[in-house]
Amino acid sequence: MKLLRHGPRGAERPGLLADDGTIRDLTGLVPDIGGAVLSDAGLAMLRGIDTAALPVVDPATRLGACVAGTGKFICIGLNYADHAAESGMQVPPEPVVFMKATSAICGPNDPIIIPRGSEKTDWEVELAVIIGKAAKYVTEADALSHVAGYAVTNDVSERAFQTERAGQWTKGKSCDNFGQIGPWLVTRDEVADPQDLKMWLKVDGQTMQDGSSRTMVYGVAFLVSYLSQFMTLHPGDVISTGTPPGVGLGMKPPRYLRAGEVVELGIEGLGSQRQDVIAD
């Protein structure tokens, strides 16, 4: 299934993408795409619904982030060896973990907002893992059973805020609209291997990133297990698993986003996003 949320920001309704390509409304059947709806039982209930009987949503309707009620937006840094190299950093002996504020979360086609004072706003196409069942001290072998599904995310980053000012990476990762998620949550049964997905990103039509989740240093199952040793992962939590090479920071000279540009990105089988770049 491909689950989504549609409507104005702050008033999104649950929905799904039907096999005929239409968006169907789930209002009244589930409260939202989050919480218990993401459990195996909740997803099984949705699979039993006759989608042809659901109301059709206007295709021009805005899409929101495909998951609601996210308590933790956890990011993994330097998780592709070639991206670490272009960043001038070593592959870490354990995953680099940092948080992105949940207030950064927005819809897949909502604009990238360059924050005030920014000169180094950058792009990062990433595979997002969405938790469906609470995970605490889980094994790597059992980890994927705690995953509801996967989505595209753009881990937008302000590099000067992130690395050139004192403190942690979080402040360079958490600006408003720095976390587009969607267009839809693709349930794990439809993703045969999360470690074999093509990933791409373009700026004004020019390909910047052209990679694959195959080159992750730490795979999805490992990351879910690893993180669950330090914190309980709850339904709706999002893990952004790192980006392949091709970010602006790694170019010579570096190349960063400017107002008026358009960013497009996607992951094989998970859909695509399109974002106008605007200034705050």
C-alpha atoms as a PDB file:
ATOM      1  CA  MET A   1       0.000   0.000   0.000  1.00  0.00           C
ATOM      2  CA  LYS A   2       0.897   3.612  -0.511  1.00  0.00           C
ATOM      3  CA  LEU A   3      -0.453   5.701   2.362  1.00  0.00           C
ATOM      4  CA  LEU A   4      -0.527   9.476   2.332  1.00  0.00           C
ATOM      5  CA  ARG A   5      -1.974  12.586   3.918  1.00  0.00           C
ATOM      6  CA  HIS A   6      -3.716  15.294   1.918  1.00  0.00           C
ATOM      7  CA  GLY A   7      -5.074  18.761   2.529  1.00  0.00           C
ATOM      8  CA  PRO A   8      -3.974  22.115   3.950  1.00  0.00           C
ATOM      9  CA  ARG A   9      -1.000  22.221   6.288  1.00  0.00           C
ATOM     10  CA  GLY A  10      -2.113  21.443   9.817  1.00  0.00           C
ATOM     11  CA  ALA A  11      -5.427  20.000   8.626  1.00  0.00           C
ATOM     12  CA  GLU A  12      -4.272  16.986   6.597  1.00  0.00           C
ATOM     13  CA  ARG A  13      -6.558  13.981   6.171  1.00  0.00           C
ATOM     14  CA  PRO A  14      -5.540  10.329   5.775  1.00  0.00           C
ATOM     15  CA  GLY A  15      -5.598   8.755   2.353  1.00  0.00           C
ATOM     16  CA  LEU A  16      -4.026   6.222   0.041  1.00  0.00           C
ATOM     17  CA  LEU A  17      -2.940   5.879  -3.550  1.00  0.00           C
ATOM     18  CA  ALA A  18      -5.226   3.415  -5.333  1.00  0.00           C
ATOM     19  CA  ASP A  19      -4.035   0.988  -7.983  1.00  0.00           C
ATOM     20  CA  ASP A  20      -5.624   3.159 -10.666  1.00  0.00           C
ATOM     21  CA  GLY A  21      -3.420   6.081  -9.645  1.00  0.00           C
ATOM     22  CA  THR A  22      -6.141   8.087  -7.947  1.00  0.00           C
ATOM     23  CA  ILE A  23      -5.850   9.439  -4.417  1.00  0.00           C
ATOM     24  CA  ARG A  24      -8.599   8.091  -2.143  1.00  0.00           C
ATOM     25  CA  ASP A  25      -9.781   9.571   1.128  1.00  0.00           C
ATOM     26  CA  LEU A  26      -9.683   7.517   4.350  1.00  0.00           C
ATOM     27  CA  THR A  27     -11.403  10.103   6.532  1.00  0.00           C
ATOM     28  CA  GLY A  28     -13.686   8.384   9.036  1.00  0.00           C
ATOM     29  CA  LEU A  29     -11.977   5.014   8.640  1.00  0.00           C
ATOM     30  CA  VAL A  30      -8.751   5.901  10.442  1.00  0.00           C
ATOM     31  CA  PRO A  31      -7.888   8.997  12.482  1.00  0.00           C
ATOM     32  CA  ASP A  32      -4.619   9.614  10.609  1.00  0.00           C
ATOM     33  CA  ILE A  33      -1.588   7.836   9.153  1.00  0.00           C
ATOM     34  CA  GLY A  34       0.146   7.327  12.495  1.00  0.00           C
ATOM     35  CA  GLY A  35       0.007   5.505  15.798  1.00  0.00           C
ATOM     36  CA  ALA A  36      -1.821   2.167  15.820  1.00  0.00           C
ATOM     37  CA  VAL A  37      -2.719   2.563  12.140  1.00  0.00           C
ATOM     38  CA  LEU A  38       0.942   1.779  11.357  1.00  0.00           C
ATOM     39  CA  SER A  39       0.885  -1.542  13.231  1.00  0.00           C
ATOM     40  CA  ASP A  40       0.620  -4.815  11.352  1.00  0.00           C
ATOM     41  CA  ALA A  41      -3.018  -5.094  12.470  1.00  0.00           C
ATOM     42  CA  GLY A  42      -3.784  -1.538  11.397  1.00  0.00           C
ATOM     43  CA  LEU A  43      -2.211  -2.037   7.987  1.00  0.00           C
ATOM     44  CA  ALA A  44      -4.027  -5.368   7.552  1.00  0.00           C
ATOM     45  CA  MET A  45      -7.326  -3.592   8.206  1.00  0.00           C
ATOM     46  CA  LEU A  46      -6.542  -1.021   5.531  1.00  0.00           C
ATOM     47  CA  ARG A  47      -5.651  -3.738   3.035  1.00  0.00           C
ATOM     48  CA  GLY A  48      -9.145  -5.167   3.487  1.00  0.00           C
ATOM     49  CA  ILE A  49     -10.859  -1.936   2.421  1.00  0.00           C
ATOM     50  CA  ASP A  50     -12.505  -1.724  -1.002  1.00  0.00           C
ATOM     51  CA  THR A  51     -10.563   1.253  -2.337  1.00  0.00           C
ATOM     52  CA  ALA A  52     -12.938   1.625  -5.285  1.00  0.00           C
ATOM     53  CA  ALA A  53     -15.650   2.643  -2.821  1.00  0.00           C
ATOM     54  CA  LEU A  54     -13.567   5.418  -1.263  1.00  0.00           C
ATOM     55  CA  PRO A  55     -14.039   9.078  -2.258  1.00  0.00           C
ATOM     56  CA  VAL A  56     -11.628  10.363  -4.896  1.00  0.00           C
ATOM     57  CA  VAL A  57      -9.459  13.325  -3.910  1.00  0.00           C
ATOM     58  CA  ASP A  58      -8.749  16.104  -6.390  1.00  0.00           C
ATOM     59  CA  PRO A  59      -5.262  15.351  -7.790  1.00  0.00           C
ATOM     60  CA  ALA A  60      -4.370  19.030  -7.365  1.00  0.00           C
ATOM     61  CA  THR A  61      -4.786  18.748  -3.594  1.00  0.00           C
ATOM     62  CA  ARG A  62      -1.660  19.428  -1.547  1.00  0.00           C
ATOM     63  CA  LEU A  63       0.065  16.392  -0.039  1.00  0.00           C
ATOM     64  CA  GLY A  64       1.332  16.613   3.521  1.00  0.00           C
ATOM     65  CA  ALA A  65       4.045  14.547   5.152  1.00  0.00           C
ATOM     66  CA  CYS A  66       2.975  10.929   4.736  1.00  0.00           C
ATOM     67  CA  VAL A  67       3.155  10.135   8.458  1.00  0.00           C
ATOM     68  CA  ALA A  68       1.535  11.889  11.411  1.00  0.00           C
ATOM     69  CA  GLY A  69       2.471  12.113  15.061  1.00  0.00           C
ATOM     70  CA  THR A  70       6.225  11.764  14.598  1.00  0.00           C
ATOM     71  CA  GLY A  71       7.834  11.971  18.005  1.00  0.00           C
ATOM     72  CA  LYS A  72      11.425  11.538  16.839  1.00  0.00           C
ATOM     73  CA  PHE A  73      13.053  12.466  13.542  1.00  0.00           C
ATOM     74  CA  ILE A  74      16.374  10.630  13.786  1.00  0.00           C
ATOM     75  CA  CYS A  75      19.074  11.150  11.175  1.00  0.00           C
ATOM     76  CA  ILE A  76      22.167   9.131  10.350  1.00  0.00           C
ATOM     77  CA  GLY A  77      25.211  11.051   9.156  1.00  0.00           C
ATOM     78  CA  LEU A  78      28.014   9.932   6.829  1.00  0.00           C
ATOM     79  CA  ASN A  79      26.298   6.610   6.096  1.00  0.00           C
ATOM     80  CA  TYR A  80      27.631   6.343   2.541  1.00  0.00           C
ATOM     81  CA  ALA A  81      31.405   5.926   2.223  1.00  0.00           C
ATOM     82  CA  ASP A  82      31.590   8.039  -0.945  1.00  0.00           C
ATOM     83  CA  HIS A  83      29.545  10.833   0.661  1.00  0.00           C
ATOM     84  CA  ALA A  84      31.841  10.804   3.704  1.00  0.00           C
ATOM     85  CA  ALA A  85      34.809  11.166   1.356  1.00  0.00           C
ATOM     86  CA  GLU A  86      33.303  14.147  -0.502  1.00  0.00           C
ATOM     87  CA  SER A  87      32.586  15.760   2.875  1.00  0.00           C
ATOM     88  CA  GLY A  88      36.232  15.322   3.892  1.00  0.00           C
ATOM     89  CA  MET A  89      35.302  13.022   6.776  1.00  0.00           C
ATOM     90  CA  GLN A  90      36.051   9.445   7.736  1.00  0.00           C
ATOM     91  CA  VAL A  91      33.464   6.666   7.763  1.00  0.00           C
ATOM     92  CA  PRO A  92      32.545   6.428  11.456  1.00  0.00           C
ATOM     93  CA  PRO A  93      33.138   3.232  13.472  1.00  0.00           C
ATOM     94  CA  GLU A  94      29.509   3.481  14.632  1.00  0.00           C
ATOM     95  CA  PRO A  95      26.572   5.353  13.092  1.00  0.00           C
ATOM     96  CA  VAL A  96      26.592   9.129  13.542  1.00  0.00           C
ATOM     97  CA  VAL A  97      23.213   9.919  15.108  1.00  0.00           C
ATOM     98  CA  PHE A  98      21.606  13.340  15.334  1.00  0.00           C
ATOM     99  CA  MET A  99      18.080  14.695  15.599  1.00  0.00           C
ATOM    100  CA  LYS A 100      16.183  16.921  13.210  1.00  0.00           C
ATOM    101  CA  ALA A 101      13.414  18.939  14.889  1.00  0.00           C
ATOM    102  CA  THR A 102       9.951  17.609  14.076  1.00  0.00           C
ATOM    103  CA  SER A 103       8.915  21.194  13.276  1.00  0.00           C
ATOM    104  CA  ALA A 104      11.032  20.847  10.120  1.00  0.00           C
ATOM    105  CA  ILE A 105       8.660  18.193   8.757  1.00  0.00           C
ATOM    106  CA  CYS A 106       6.540  19.253   5.786  1.00  0.00           C
ATOM    107  CA  GLY A 107       4.916  17.899   2.655  1.00  0.00           C
ATOM    108  CA  PRO A 108       6.880  16.416  -0.237  1.00  0.00           C
ATOM    109  CA  ASN A 109       6.255  19.353  -2.548  1.00  0.00           C
ATOM    110  CA  ASP A 110       6.306  22.135   0.008  1.00  0.00           C
ATOM    111  CA  PRO A 111       9.038  24.707  -0.691  1.00  0.00           C
ATOM    112  CA  ILE A 112      12.569  24.640   0.636  1.00  0.00           C
ATOM    113  CA  ILE A 113      12.831  27.834   2.676  1.00  0.00           C
ATOM    114  CA  ILE A 114      16.335  29.318   2.831  1.00  0.00           C
ATOM    115  CA  PRO A 115      16.610  30.632   6.397  1.00  0.00           C
ATOM    116  CA  ARG A 116      17.710  34.150   7.197  1.00  0.00           C
ATOM    117  CA  GLY A 117      21.476  34.507   7.198  1.00  0.00           C
ATOM    118  CA  SER A 118      22.000  31.339   5.172  1.00  0.00           C
ATOM    119  CA  GLU A 119      24.611  31.106   2.438  1.00  0.00           C
ATOM    120  CA  LYS A 120      25.021  27.316   2.377  1.00  0.00           C
ATOM    121  CA  THR A 121      21.618  25.621   2.146  1.00  0.00           C
ATOM    122  CA  ASP A 122      22.181  22.149   0.693  1.00  0.00           C
ATOM    123  CA  TRP A 123      20.174  19.132  -0.476  1.00  0.00           C
ATOM    124  CA  GLU A 124      20.259  15.435   0.535  1.00  0.00           C
ATOM    125  CA  VAL A 125      17.979  12.755  -0.911  1.00  0.00           C
ATOM    126  CA  GLU A 126      17.510  10.043   1.721  1.00  0.00           C
ATOM    127  CA  LEU A 127      15.587   6.855   2.397  1.00  0.00           C
ATOM    128  CA  ALA A 128      13.245   7.372   5.340  1.00  0.00           C
ATOM    129  CA  VAL A 129      12.286   4.421   7.522  1.00  0.00           C
ATOM    130  CA  ILE A 130       8.973   4.788   9.357  1.00  0.00           C
ATOM    131  CA  ILE A 131       8.463   2.775  12.527  1.00  0.00           C
ATOM    132  CA  GLY A 132       5.199   0.852  12.894  1.00  0.00           C
ATOM    133  CA  LYS A 133       5.723  -1.112  16.120  1.00  0.00           C
ATOM    134  CA  ALA A 134       7.606  -0.032  19.237  1.00  0.00           C
ATOM    135  CA  ALA A 135      11.214  -1.226  19.177  1.00  0.00           C
ATOM    136  CA  LYS A 136      13.395  -1.565  22.262  1.00  0.00           C
ATOM    137  CA  TYR A 137      16.510  -3.748  22.371  1.00  0.00           C
ATOM    138  CA  VAL A 138      15.491  -5.518  19.168  1.00  0.00           C
ATOM    139  CA  THR A 139      17.849  -7.772  17.256  1.00  0.00           C
ATOM    140  CA  GLU A 140      18.957  -7.045  13.726  1.00  0.00           C
ATOM    141  CA  ALA A 141      17.155 -10.207  12.598  1.00  0.00           C
ATOM    142  CA  ASP A 142      13.861  -8.928  14.029  1.00  0.00           C
ATOM    143  CA  ALA A 143      14.329  -5.247  13.236  1.00  0.00           C
ATOM    144  CA  LEU A 144      12.408  -4.999   9.958  1.00  0.00           C
ATOM    145  CA  SER A 145       9.259  -6.401  11.588  1.00  0.00           C
ATOM    146  CA  HIS A 146       9.108  -3.097  13.482  1.00  0.00           C
ATOM    147  CA  VAL A 147       9.080  -1.072  10.258  1.00  0.00           C
ATOM    148  CA  ALA A 148       5.750   0.107   8.831  1.00  0.00           C
ATOM    149  CA  GLY A 149       7.253   1.281   5.572  1.00  0.00           C
ATOM    150  CA  TYR A 150       9.543   3.591   3.668  1.00  0.00           C
ATOM    151  CA  ALA A 151       9.427   7.031   2.082  1.00  0.00           C
ATOM    152  CA  VAL A 152      11.507   9.645   0.298  1.00  0.00           C
ATOM    153  CA  THR A 153      12.881  12.481   2.391  1.00  0.00           C
ATOM    154  CA  ASN A 154      15.007  15.520   1.647  1.00  0.00           C
ATOM    155  CA  ASP A 155      17.343  16.116   4.580  1.00  0.00           C
ATOM    156  CA  VAL A 156      17.836  19.787   3.733  1.00  0.00           C
ATOM    157  CA  SER A 157      20.880  21.188   5.533  1.00  0.00           C
ATOM    158  CA  GLU A 158      22.454  24.581   6.184  1.00  0.00           C
ATOM    159  CA  ARG A 159      26.152  23.701   6.190  1.00  0.00           C
ATOM    160  CA  ALA A 160      27.455  26.825   7.953  1.00  0.00           C
ATOM    161  CA  PHE A 161      24.889  26.421  10.728  1.00  0.00           C
ATOM    162  CA  GLN A 162      25.714  22.696  10.840  1.00  0.00           C
ATOM    163  CA  THR A 163      29.503  22.639  10.961  1.00  0.00           C
ATOM    164  CA  GLU A 164      30.975  26.145  11.188  1.00  0.00           C
ATOM    165  CA  ARG A 165      29.270  27.282  14.363  1.00  0.00           C
ATOM    166  CA  ALA A 166      29.752  25.864  17.843  1.00  0.00           C
ATOM    167  CA  GLY A 167      27.569  23.005  19.009  1.00  0.00           C
ATOM    168  CA  GLN A 168      25.865  20.088  17.330  1.00  0.00           C
ATOM    169  CA  TRP A 169      24.595  19.476  13.797  1.00  0.00           C
ATOM    170  CA  THR A 170      20.953  19.822  14.823  1.00  0.00           C
ATOM    171  CA  LYS A 171      20.690  23.575  14.282  1.00  0.00           C
ATOM    172  CA  GLY A 172      21.845  23.207  10.672  1.00  0.00           C
ATOM    173  CA  LYS A 173      19.255  20.502  10.054  1.00  0.00           C
ATOM    174  CA  SER A 174      16.121  21.778  11.768  1.00  0.00           C
ATOM    175  CA  CYS A 175      15.063  24.964  10.019  1.00  0.00           C
ATOM    176  CA  ASP A 176      11.456  25.205   8.897  1.00  0.00           C
ATOM    177  CA  ASN A 177      10.714  23.082   5.811  1.00  0.00           C
ATOM    178  CA  PHE A 178      14.022  21.228   6.063  1.00  0.00           C
ATOM    179  CA  GLY A 179      12.279  17.825   6.199  1.00  0.00           C
ATOM    180  CA  GLN A 180      10.019  16.972   3.248  1.00  0.00           C
ATOM    181  CA  ILE A 181       8.632  13.432   3.673  1.00  0.00           C
ATOM    182  CA  GLY A 182       6.563  11.613   1.068  1.00  0.00           C
ATOM    183  CA  PRO A 183       4.700  11.624  -1.254  1.00  0.00           C
ATOM    184  CA  TRP A 184       3.582   8.415   0.351  1.00  0.00           C
ATOM    185  CA  LEU A 185       4.524   5.792   2.890  1.00  0.00           C
ATOM    186  CA  VAL A 186       5.115   2.559   0.973  1.00  0.00           C
ATOM    187  CA  THR A 187       4.453  -0.381   3.282  1.00  0.00           C
ATOM    188  CA  ARG A 188       7.355  -2.743   3.837  1.00  0.00           C
ATOM    189  CA  ASP A 189       5.675  -5.644   2.008  1.00  0.00           C
ATOM    190  CA  GLU A 190       6.010  -3.657  -1.218  1.00  0.00           C
ATOM    191  CA  VAL A 191       9.749  -3.039  -0.805  1.00  0.00           C
ATOM    192  CA  ALA A 192      11.545  -6.292  -1.556  1.00  0.00           C
ATOM    193  CA  ASP A 193      14.945  -5.016  -0.436  1.00  0.00           C
ATOM    194  CA  PRO A 194      15.474  -1.580   1.132  1.00  0.00           C
ATOM    195  CA  GLN A 195      19.185  -2.007   0.399  1.00  0.00           C
ATOM    196  CA  ASP A 196      18.666  -2.035  -3.375  1.00  0.00           C
ATOM    197  CA  LEU A 197      16.858   1.186  -4.260  1.00  0.00           C
ATOM    198  CA  LYS A 198      18.015   3.774  -6.808  1.00  0.00           C
ATOM    199  CA  MET A 199      18.092   7.352  -5.502  1.00  0.00           C
ATOM    200  CA  TRP A 200      18.382  10.603  -7.437  1.00  0.00           C
ATOM    201  CA  LEU A 201      18.178  14.378  -7.039  1.00  0.00           C
ATOM    202  CA  LYS A 202      18.218  17.226  -9.560  1.00  0.00           C
ATOM    203  CA  VAL A 203      18.551  21.000  -9.204  1.00  0.00           C
ATOM    204  CA  ASP A 204      17.038  22.972 -12.089  1.00  0.00           C
ATOM    205  CA  GLY A 205      17.055  19.785 -14.150  1.00  0.00           C
ATOM    206  CA  GLN A 206      20.738  19.003 -13.556  1.00  0.00           C
ATOM    207  CA  THR A 207      21.420  15.654 -11.909  1.00  0.00           C
ATOM    208  CA  MET A 208      23.352  16.141  -8.690  1.00  0.00           C
ATOM    209  CA  GLN A 209      22.831  12.826  -6.914  1.00  0.00           C
ATOM    210  CA  ASP A 210      22.576   9.461  -8.657  1.00  0.00           C
ATOM    211  CA  GLY A 211      23.115   6.676  -6.145  1.00  0.00           C
ATOM    212  CA  SER A 212      21.694   3.588  -4.525  1.00  0.00           C
ATOM    213  CA  SER A 213      20.899   2.398  -1.029  1.00  0.00           C
ATOM    214  CA  ARG A 214      23.217  -0.533  -1.827  1.00  0.00           C
ATOM    215  CA  THR A 215      26.175   1.617  -0.809  1.00  0.00           C
ATOM    216  CA  MET A 216      24.966   2.345   2.724  1.00  0.00           C
ATOM    217  CA  VAL A 217      27.594   1.588   5.347  1.00  0.00           C
ATOM    218  CA  TYR A 218      24.983   0.643   7.952  1.00  0.00           C
ATOM    219  CA  GLY A 219      21.816  -0.905   6.551  1.00  0.00           C
ATOM    220  CA  VAL A 220      18.210  -0.385   7.626  1.00  0.00           C
ATOM    221  CA  ALA A 221      17.929  -3.484   9.817  1.00  0.00           C
ATOM    222  CA  PHE A 222      21.172  -2.647  11.596  1.00  0.00           C
ATOM    223  CA  LEU A 223      20.112   0.956  12.188  1.00  0.00           C
ATOM    224  CA  VAL A 224      16.728   0.033  13.684  1.00  0.00           C
ATOM    225  CA  SER A 225      18.401  -2.484  15.989  1.00  0.00           C
ATOM    226  CA  TYR A 226      21.235  -0.108  16.857  1.00  0.00           C
ATOM    227  CA  LEU A 227      19.011   2.834  17.702  1.00  0.00           C
ATOM    228  CA  SER A 228      16.704   0.635  19.779  1.00  0.00           C
ATOM    229  CA  GLN A 229      19.603  -0.048  22.139  1.00  0.00           C
ATOM    230  CA  PHE A 230      19.641   3.651  23.122  1.00  0.00           C
ATOM    231  CA  MET A 231      15.994   4.705  22.890  1.00  0.00           C
ATOM    232  CA  THR A 232      12.598   3.147  22.324  1.00  0.00           C
ATOM    233  CA  LEU A 233      11.429   3.730  18.778  1.00  0.00           C
ATOM    234  CA  HIS A 234       7.708   4.450  18.629  1.00  0.00           C
ATOM    235  CA  PRO A 235       5.129   4.208  15.833  1.00  0.00           C
ATOM    236  CA  GLY A 236       5.479   7.222  13.585  1.00  0.00           C
ATOM    237  CA  ASP A 237       9.140   7.818  14.394  1.00  0.00           C
ATOM    238  CA  VAL A 238      11.228   8.498  11.284  1.00  0.00           C
ATOM    239  CA  ILE A 239      14.812   7.400  10.646  1.00  0.00           C
ATOM    240  CA  SER A 240      16.523   9.260   7.798  1.00  0.00           C
ATOM    241  CA  THR A 241      19.284   6.885   6.772  1.00  0.00           C
ATOM    242  CA  GLY A 242      21.889   9.090   5.086  1.00  0.00           C
ATOM    243  CA  THR A 243      22.599  10.383   1.603  1.00  0.00           C
ATOM    244  CA  PRO A 244      24.686   9.212  -1.356  1.00  0.00           C
ATOM    245  CA  PRO A 245      27.324  11.507  -2.884  1.00  0.00           C
ATOM    246  CA  GLY A 246      26.504  14.567  -4.926  1.00  0.00           C
ATOM    247  CA  VAL A 247      25.602  17.167  -2.317  1.00  0.00           C
ATOM    248  CA  GLY A 248      26.525  20.795  -2.855  1.00  0.00           C
ATOM    249  CA  LEU A 249      29.085  20.711  -0.055  1.00  0.00           C
ATOM    250  CA  GLY A 250      31.167  18.147  -1.922  1.00  0.00           C
ATOM    251  CA  MET A 251      31.407  20.024  -5.211  1.00  0.00           C
ATOM    252  CA  LYS A 252      34.512  21.942  -6.224  1.00  0.00           C
ATOM    253  CA  PRO A 253      33.764  24.734  -5.680  1.00  0.00           C
ATOM    254  CA  PRO A 254      30.804  24.027  -3.377  1.00  0.00           C
ATOM    255  CA  ARG A 255      27.403  24.862  -4.873  1.00  0.00           C
ATOM    256  CA  TYR A 256      24.430  25.790  -2.719  1.00  0.00           C
ATOM    257  CA  LEU A 257      20.754  26.503  -3.281  1.00  0.00           C
ATOM    258  CA  ARG A 258      19.457  29.911  -4.274  1.00  0.00           C
ATOM    259  CA  ALA A 259      15.914  31.292  -4.287  1.00  0.00           C
ATOM    260  CA  GLY A 260      14.159  30.621  -7.583  1.00  0.00           C
ATOM    261  CA  GLU A 261      15.700  27.193  -8.161  1.00  0.00           C
ATOM    262  CA  VAL A 262      13.734  23.941  -8.278  1.00  0.00           C
ATOM    263  CA  VAL A 263      14.772  20.702  -6.562  1.00  0.00           C
ATOM    264  CA  GLU A 264      13.419  17.337  -7.724  1.00  0.00           C
ATOM    265  CA  LEU A 265      14.256  14.024  -6.062  1.00  0.00           C
ATOM    266  CA  GLY A 266      13.038  10.470  -5.793  1.00  0.00           C
ATOM    267  CA  ILE A 267      13.698   6.874  -4.850  1.00  0.00           C
ATOM    268  CA  GLU A 268      12.850   3.836  -6.941  1.00  0.00           C
ATOM    269  CA  GLY A 269       9.372   2.567  -6.049  1.00  0.00           C
ATOM    270  CA  LEU A 270       8.787   5.256  -3.420  1.00  0.00           C
ATOM    271  CA  GLY A 271       7.792   8.218  -5.588  1.00  0.00           C
ATOM    272  CA  SER A 272       9.263  11.666  -6.141  1.00  0.00           C
ATOM    273  CA  GLN A 273       9.195  15.197  -4.775  1.00  0.00           C
ATOM    274  CA  ARG A 274       9.412  18.669  -6.295  1.00  0.00           C
ATOM    275  CA  GLN A 275      10.311  21.777  -4.284  1.00  0.00           C
ATOM    276  CA  ASP A 276      10.585  25.433  -5.186  1.00  0.00           C
ATOM    277  CA  VAL A 277      13.423  27.170  -3.344  1.00  0.00           C
ATOM    278  CA  ILE A 278      12.340  30.412  -1.662  1.00  0.00           C
ATOM    279  CA  ALA A 279      13.904  32.835   0.796  1.00  0.00           C
ATOM    280  CA  ASP A 280      12.525  33.376   4.293  1.00  0.00           C
END
